[in-house]
Amino acid sequence: MGMVEAFKNEQVGSRLMAMGVLPGSRIAVVRQAPFGGGCYVKVDDFYLALRKKEAACVLVNHAAD
């Protein structure tokens, strides 16, 4: 588990923020898809499926645990 710090890509970041993935949100990977696919994450109190490309844009601070 960690905390969302920022986004590498502004366009993807704005889409994620519209879905509720905001800087300061607690985020944890729940399940990884096989063969390098996307992942299922818990963000604060809800769950979200992210493509690999979207997940790679999220900068996470693991020291915030």
PDB file of N, CA and C in Angstrom:
ATOM      1  N   MET A   1       0.844  -1.177   0.000  1.00  0.00           N
ATOM      2  CA  MET A   1       0.000   0.000   0.000  1.00  0.00           C
ATOM      3  C   MET A   1       0.887   1.236   0.000  1.00  0.00           C
ATOM      4  N   GLY A   2       0.413   2.273  -0.634  1.00  0.00           N
ATOM      5  CA  GLY A   2       1.150   3.521  -0.686  1.00  0.00           C
ATOM      6  C   GLY A   2       0.201   4.678  -0.909  1.00  0.00           C
ATOM      7  N   MET A   3       0.773   5.829  -1.199  1.00  0.00           N
ATOM      8  CA  MET A   3      -0.022   7.032  -1.426  1.00  0.00           C
ATOM      9  C   MET A   3       0.306   7.597  -2.799  1.00  0.00           C
ATOM     10  N   VAL A   4      -0.720   7.984  -3.535  1.00  0.00           N
ATOM     11  CA  VAL A   4      -0.531   8.582  -4.854  1.00  0.00           C
ATOM     12  C   VAL A   4       0.137   9.943  -4.670  1.00  0.00           C
ATOM     13  N   GLU A   5       1.289  10.116  -5.317  1.00  0.00           N
ATOM     14  CA  GLU A   5       2.015  11.391  -5.236  1.00  0.00           C
ATOM     15  C   GLU A   5       1.696  12.288  -6.423  1.00  0.00           C
ATOM     16  N   ALA A   6       1.782  11.740  -7.635  1.00  0.00           N
ATOM     17  CA  ALA A   6       1.580  12.526  -8.857  1.00  0.00           C
ATOM     18  C   ALA A   6       1.378  11.557 -10.023  1.00  0.00           C
ATOM     19  N   PHE A   7       1.305  12.108 -11.219  1.00  0.00           N
ATOM     20  CA  PHE A   7       1.138  11.317 -12.438  1.00  0.00           C
ATOM     21  C   PHE A   7       2.213  11.706 -13.442  1.00  0.00           C
ATOM     22  N   LYS A   8       2.761  10.720 -14.144  1.00  0.00           N
ATOM     23  CA  LYS A   8       3.802  10.964 -15.146  1.00  0.00           C
ATOM     24  C   LYS A   8       3.233  11.588 -16.408  1.00  0.00           C
ATOM     25  N   ASN A   9       2.006  11.230 -16.753  1.00  0.00           N
ATOM     26  CA  ASN A   9       1.370  11.692 -17.986  1.00  0.00           C
ATOM     27  C   ASN A   9       0.162  12.545 -17.606  1.00  0.00           C
ATOM     28  N   GLU A  10       0.139  13.790 -18.047  1.00  0.00           N
ATOM     29  CA  GLU A  10      -0.927  14.719 -17.675  1.00  0.00           C
ATOM     30  C   GLU A  10      -2.298  14.272 -18.187  1.00  0.00           C
ATOM     31  N   GLN A  11      -2.351  13.751 -19.407  1.00  0.00           N
ATOM     32  CA  GLN A  11      -3.627  13.324 -19.983  1.00  0.00           C
ATOM     33  C   GLN A  11      -4.203  12.129 -19.229  1.00  0.00           C
ATOM     34  N   VAL A  12      -3.379  11.119 -18.973  1.00  0.00           N
ATOM     35  CA  VAL A  12      -3.825   9.949 -18.216  1.00  0.00           C
ATOM     36  C   VAL A  12      -4.153  10.358 -16.789  1.00  0.00           C
ATOM     37  N   GLY A  13      -3.337  11.230 -16.211  1.00  0.00           N
ATOM     38  CA  GLY A  13      -3.571  11.707 -14.853  1.00  0.00           C
ATOM     39  C   GLY A  13      -4.904  12.408 -14.702  1.00  0.00           C
ATOM     40  N   SER A  14      -5.276  13.223 -15.671  1.00  0.00           N
ATOM     41  CA  SER A  14      -6.564  13.915 -15.566  1.00  0.00           C
ATOM     42  C   SER A  14      -7.734  12.948 -15.668  1.00  0.00           C
ATOM     43  N   ARG A  15      -7.583  11.894 -16.483  1.00  0.00           N
ATOM     44  CA  ARG A  15      -8.632  10.869 -16.564  1.00  0.00           C
ATOM     45  C   ARG A  15      -8.749  10.113 -15.245  1.00  0.00           C
ATOM     46  N   LEU A  16      -7.594   9.759 -14.652  1.00  0.00           N
ATOM     47  CA  LEU A  16      -7.614   9.048 -13.376  1.00  0.00           C
ATOM     48  C   LEU A  16      -8.184   9.922 -12.262  1.00  0.00           C
ATOM     49  N   MET A  17      -7.856  11.205 -12.275  1.00  0.00           N
ATOM     50  CA  MET A  17      -8.398  12.105 -11.257  1.00  0.00           C
ATOM     51  C   MET A  17      -9.913  12.240 -11.396  1.00  0.00           C
ATOM     52  N   ALA A  18     -10.427  12.211 -12.623  1.00  0.00           N
ATOM     53  CA  ALA A  18     -11.873  12.256 -12.835  1.00  0.00           C
ATOM     54  C   ALA A  18     -12.554  11.005 -12.272  1.00  0.00           C
ATOM     55  N   MET A  19     -11.806   9.886 -12.201  1.00  0.00           N
ATOM     56  CA  MET A  19     -12.336   8.646 -11.632  1.00  0.00           C
ATOM     57  C   MET A  19     -12.130   8.569 -10.123  1.00  0.00           C
ATOM     58  N   GLY A  20     -11.461   9.560  -9.539  1.00  0.00           N
ATOM     59  CA  GLY A  20     -11.290   9.578  -8.096  1.00  0.00           C
ATOM     60  C   GLY A  20      -9.911   9.220  -7.591  1.00  0.00           C
ATOM     61  N   VAL A  21      -8.965   8.975  -8.504  1.00  0.00           N
ATOM     62  CA  VAL A  21      -7.585   8.673  -8.102  1.00  0.00           C
ATOM     63  C   VAL A  21      -6.863  10.013  -7.988  1.00  0.00           C
ATOM     64  N   LEU A  22      -6.819  10.551  -6.782  1.00  0.00           N
ATOM     65  CA  LEU A  22      -6.279  11.883  -6.545  1.00  0.00           C
ATOM     66  C   LEU A  22      -4.955  11.808  -5.805  1.00  0.00           C
ATOM     67  N   PRO A  23      -4.084  12.793  -5.992  1.00  0.00           N
ATOM     68  CA  PRO A  23      -2.871  12.833  -5.167  1.00  0.00           C
ATOM     69  C   PRO A  23      -3.267  12.843  -3.689  1.00  0.00           C
ATOM     70  N   GLY A  24      -2.606  11.995  -2.916  1.00  0.00           N
ATOM     71  CA  GLY A  24      -2.939  11.845  -1.503  1.00  0.00           C
ATOM     72  C   GLY A  24      -3.828  10.655  -1.218  1.00  0.00           C
ATOM     73  N   SER A  25      -4.387  10.030  -2.263  1.00  0.00           N
ATOM     74  CA  SER A  25      -5.220   8.839  -2.086  1.00  0.00           C
ATOM     75  C   SER A  25      -4.360   7.643  -1.713  1.00  0.00           C
ATOM     76  N   ARG A  26      -4.884   6.768  -0.872  1.00  0.00           N
ATOM     77  CA  ARG A  26      -4.211   5.523  -0.536  1.00  0.00           C
ATOM     78  C   ARG A  26      -4.507   4.534  -1.659  1.00  0.00           C
ATOM     79  N   ILE A  27      -3.465   3.831  -2.134  1.00  0.00           N
ATOM     80  CA  ILE A  27      -3.636   2.912  -3.262  1.00  0.00           C
ATOM     81  C   ILE A  27      -2.887   1.609  -2.983  1.00  0.00           C
ATOM     82  N   ALA A  28      -3.505   0.503  -3.372  1.00  0.00           N
ATOM     83  CA  ALA A  28      -2.889  -0.815  -3.203  1.00  0.00           C
ATOM     84  C   ALA A  28      -3.298  -1.714  -4.358  1.00  0.00           C
ATOM     85  N   VAL A  29      -2.364  -2.514  -4.850  1.00  0.00           N
ATOM     86  CA  VAL A  29      -2.667  -3.485  -5.906  1.00  0.00           C
ATOM     87  C   VAL A  29      -3.328  -4.685  -5.259  1.00  0.00           C
ATOM     88  N   VAL A  30      -4.517  -5.032  -5.744  1.00  0.00           N
ATOM     89  CA  VAL A  30      -5.267  -6.171  -5.220  1.00  0.00           C
ATOM     90  C   VAL A  30      -4.953  -7.419  -6.027  1.00  0.00           C
ATOM     91  N   ARG A  31      -4.925  -7.273  -7.358  1.00  0.00           N
ATOM     92  CA  ARG A  31      -4.708  -8.423  -8.238  1.00  0.00           C
ATOM     93  C   ARG A  31      -4.055  -7.961  -9.522  1.00  0.00           C
ATOM     94  N   GLN A  32      -3.111  -8.746 -10.011  1.00  0.00           N
ATOM     95  CA  GLN A  32      -2.407  -8.469 -11.269  1.00  0.00           C
ATOM     96  C   GLN A  32      -2.914  -9.433 -12.329  1.00  0.00           C
ATOM     97  N   ALA A  33      -3.227  -8.932 -13.514  1.00  0.00           N
ATOM     98  CA  ALA A  33      -3.661  -9.791 -14.610  1.00  0.00           C
ATOM     99  C   ALA A  33      -2.473 -10.598 -15.132  1.00  0.00           C
ATOM    100  N   PRO A  34      -2.721 -11.814 -15.604  1.00  0.00           N
ATOM    101  CA  PRO A  34      -1.622 -12.631 -16.131  1.00  0.00           C
ATOM    102  C   PRO A  34      -1.082 -12.081 -17.449  1.00  0.00           C
ATOM    103  N   PHE A  35       0.129 -12.475 -17.764  1.00  0.00           N
ATOM    104  CA  PHE A  35       0.789 -12.147 -19.032  1.00  0.00           C
ATOM    105  C   PHE A  35       0.999 -10.645 -19.230  1.00  0.00           C
ATOM    106  N   GLY A  36       1.255  -9.924 -18.151  1.00  0.00           N
ATOM    107  CA  GLY A  36       1.577  -8.509 -18.261  1.00  0.00           C
ATOM    108  C   GLY A  36       0.402  -7.607 -18.586  1.00  0.00           C
ATOM    109  N   GLY A  37      -0.801  -8.038 -18.234  1.00  0.00           N
ATOM    110  CA  GLY A  37      -1.989  -7.219 -18.479  1.00  0.00           C
ATOM    111  C   GLY A  37      -2.120  -6.133 -17.434  1.00  0.00           C
ATOM    112  N   GLY A  38      -3.330  -5.693 -17.223  1.00  0.00           N
ATOM    113  CA  GLY A  38      -3.609  -4.626 -16.274  1.00  0.00           C
ATOM    114  C   GLY A  38      -3.603  -5.116 -14.837  1.00  0.00           C
ATOM    115  N   CYS A  39      -4.171  -4.294 -13.966  1.00  0.00           N
ATOM    116  CA  CYS A  39      -4.238  -4.667 -12.561  1.00  0.00           C
ATOM    117  C   CYS A  39      -5.520  -4.127 -11.942  1.00  0.00           C
ATOM    118  N   TYR A  40      -5.880  -4.704 -10.826  1.00  0.00           N
ATOM    119  CA  TYR A  40      -7.055  -4.334 -10.061  1.00  0.00           C
ATOM    120  C   TYR A  40      -6.535  -3.685  -8.790  1.00  0.00           C
ATOM    121  N   VAL A  41      -6.916  -2.438  -8.545  1.00  0.00           N
ATOM    122  CA  VAL A  41      -6.383  -1.700  -7.402  1.00  0.00           C
ATOM    123  C   VAL A  41      -7.502  -1.225  -6.487  1.00  0.00           C
ATOM    124  N   LYS A  42      -7.139  -1.022  -5.220  1.00  0.00           N
ATOM    125  CA  LYS A  42      -8.051  -0.403  -4.263  1.00  0.00           C
ATOM    126  C   LYS A  42      -7.544   1.007  -4.028  1.00  0.00           C
ATOM    127  N   VAL A  43      -8.409   1.981  -4.276  1.00  0.00           N
ATOM    128  CA  VAL A  43      -8.073   3.387  -4.073  1.00  0.00           C
ATOM    129  C   VAL A  43      -9.026   3.910  -3.001  1.00  0.00           C
ATOM    130  N   ASP A  44      -8.463   4.258  -1.845  1.00  0.00           N
ATOM    131  CA  ASP A  44      -9.257   4.668  -0.696  1.00  0.00           C
ATOM    132  C   ASP A  44     -10.329   3.616  -0.408  1.00  0.00           C
ATOM    133  N   ASP A  45     -11.593   3.902  -0.714  1.00  0.00           N
ATOM    134  CA  ASP A  45     -12.679   2.964  -0.392  1.00  0.00           C
ATOM    135  C   ASP A  45     -13.343   2.344  -1.617  1.00  0.00           C
ATOM    136  N   PHE A  46     -12.714   2.410  -2.782  1.00  0.00           N
ATOM    137  CA  PHE A  46     -13.309   1.791  -3.967  1.00  0.00           C
ATOM    138  C   PHE A  46     -12.254   1.035  -4.764  1.00  0.00           C
ATOM    139  N   TYR A  47     -12.718   0.171  -5.643  1.00  0.00           N
ATOM    140  CA  TYR A  47     -11.846  -0.662  -6.466  1.00  0.00           C
ATOM    141  C   TYR A  47     -11.925  -0.198  -7.911  1.00  0.00           C
ATOM    142  N   LEU A  48     -10.804  -0.367  -8.623  1.00  0.00           N
ATOM    143  CA  LEU A  48     -10.702   0.132  -9.984  1.00  0.00           C
ATOM    144  C   LEU A  48      -9.766  -0.774 -10.783  1.00  0.00           C
ATOM    145  N   ALA A  49     -10.131  -1.052 -12.024  1.00  0.00           N
ATOM    146  CA  ALA A  49      -9.258  -1.812 -12.927  1.00  0.00           C
ATOM    147  C   ALA A  49      -8.491  -0.809 -13.789  1.00  0.00           C
ATOM    148  N   LEU A  50      -7.175  -0.985 -13.841  1.00  0.00           N
ATOM    149  CA  LEU A  50      -6.328  -0.090 -14.636  1.00  0.00           C
ATOM    150  C   LEU A  50      -5.565  -0.878 -15.687  1.00  0.00           C
ATOM    151  N   ARG A  51      -5.426  -0.286 -16.851  1.00  0.00           N
ATOM    152  CA  ARG A  51      -4.556  -0.868 -17.864  1.00  0.00           C
ATOM    153  C   ARG A  51      -3.111  -0.706 -17.398  1.00  0.00           C
ATOM    154  N   LYS A  52      -2.246  -1.537 -17.936  1.00  0.00           N
ATOM    155  CA  LYS A  52      -0.828  -1.474 -17.563  1.00  0.00           C
ATOM    156  C   LYS A  52      -0.261  -0.079 -17.842  1.00  0.00           C
ATOM    157  N   LYS A  53      -0.635   0.510 -18.968  1.00  0.00           N
ATOM    158  CA  LYS A  53      -0.155   1.830 -19.361  1.00  0.00           C
ATOM    159  C   LYS A  53      -0.632   2.915 -18.381  1.00  0.00           C
ATOM    160  N   GLU A  54      -1.868   2.800 -17.899  1.00  0.00           N
ATOM    161  CA  GLU A  54      -2.407   3.758 -16.927  1.00  0.00           C
ATOM    162  C   GLU A  54      -1.719   3.603 -15.572  1.00  0.00           C
ATOM    163  N   ALA A  55      -1.563   2.363 -15.141  1.00  0.00           N
ATOM    164  CA  ALA A  55      -0.937   2.107 -13.846  1.00  0.00           C
ATOM    165  C   ALA A  55       0.510   2.598 -13.827  1.00  0.00           C
ATOM    166  N   ALA A  56       1.196   2.510 -14.949  1.00  0.00           N
ATOM    167  CA  ALA A  56       2.594   2.950 -15.021  1.00  0.00           C
ATOM    168  C   ALA A  56       2.733   4.462 -14.871  1.00  0.00           C
ATOM    169  N   CYS A  57       1.653   5.196 -15.072  1.00  0.00           N
ATOM    170  CA  CYS A  57       1.691   6.664 -14.961  1.00  0.00           C
ATOM    171  C   CYS A  57       1.516   7.153 -13.527  1.00  0.00           C
ATOM    172  N   VAL A  58       1.135   6.276 -12.614  1.00  0.00           N
ATOM    173  CA  VAL A  58       0.879   6.680 -11.231  1.00  0.00           C
ATOM    174  C   VAL A  58       2.166   6.596 -10.425  1.00  0.00           C
ATOM    175  N   LEU A  59       2.590   7.709  -9.850  1.00  0.00           N
ATOM    176  CA  LEU A  59       3.759   7.730  -8.981  1.00  0.00           C
ATOM    177  C   LEU A  59       3.280   7.522  -7.551  1.00  0.00           C
ATOM    178  N   VAL A  60       3.808   6.479  -6.906  1.00  0.00           N
ATOM    179  CA  VAL A  60       3.358   6.092  -5.571  1.00  0.00           C
ATOM    180  C   VAL A  60       4.488   6.252  -4.565  1.00  0.00           C
ATOM    181  N   ASN A  61       4.160   6.825  -3.417  1.00  0.00           N
ATOM    182  CA  ASN A  61       5.098   6.949  -2.299  1.00  0.00           C
ATOM    183  C   ASN A  61       4.825   5.804  -1.341  1.00  0.00           C
ATOM    184  N   HIS A  62       5.726   4.824  -1.308  1.00  0.00           N
ATOM    185  CA  HIS A  62       5.529   3.655  -0.440  1.00  0.00           C
ATOM    186  C   HIS A  62       5.914   3.953   0.999  1.00  0.00           C
ATOM    187  N   ALA A  63       6.614   5.039   1.238  1.00  0.00           N
ATOM    188  CA  ALA A  63       7.014   5.397   2.603  1.00  0.00           C
ATOM    189  C   ALA A  63       5.827   5.912   3.399  1.00  0.00           C
ATOM    190  N   ALA A  64       4.703   6.192   2.743  1.00  0.00           N
ATOM    191  CA  ALA A  64       3.530   6.746   3.413  1.00  0.00           C
ATOM    192  C   ALA A  64       2.695   5.663   4.089  1.00  0.00           C
ATOM    193  N   ASP A  65       3.153   4.429   4.094  1.00  0.00           N
ATOM    194  CA  ASP A  65       2.384   3.324   4.679  1.00  0.00           C
ATOM    195  C   ASP A  65       2.063   3.553   6.111  1.00  0.00           C
TER     196      ASP A  65
END
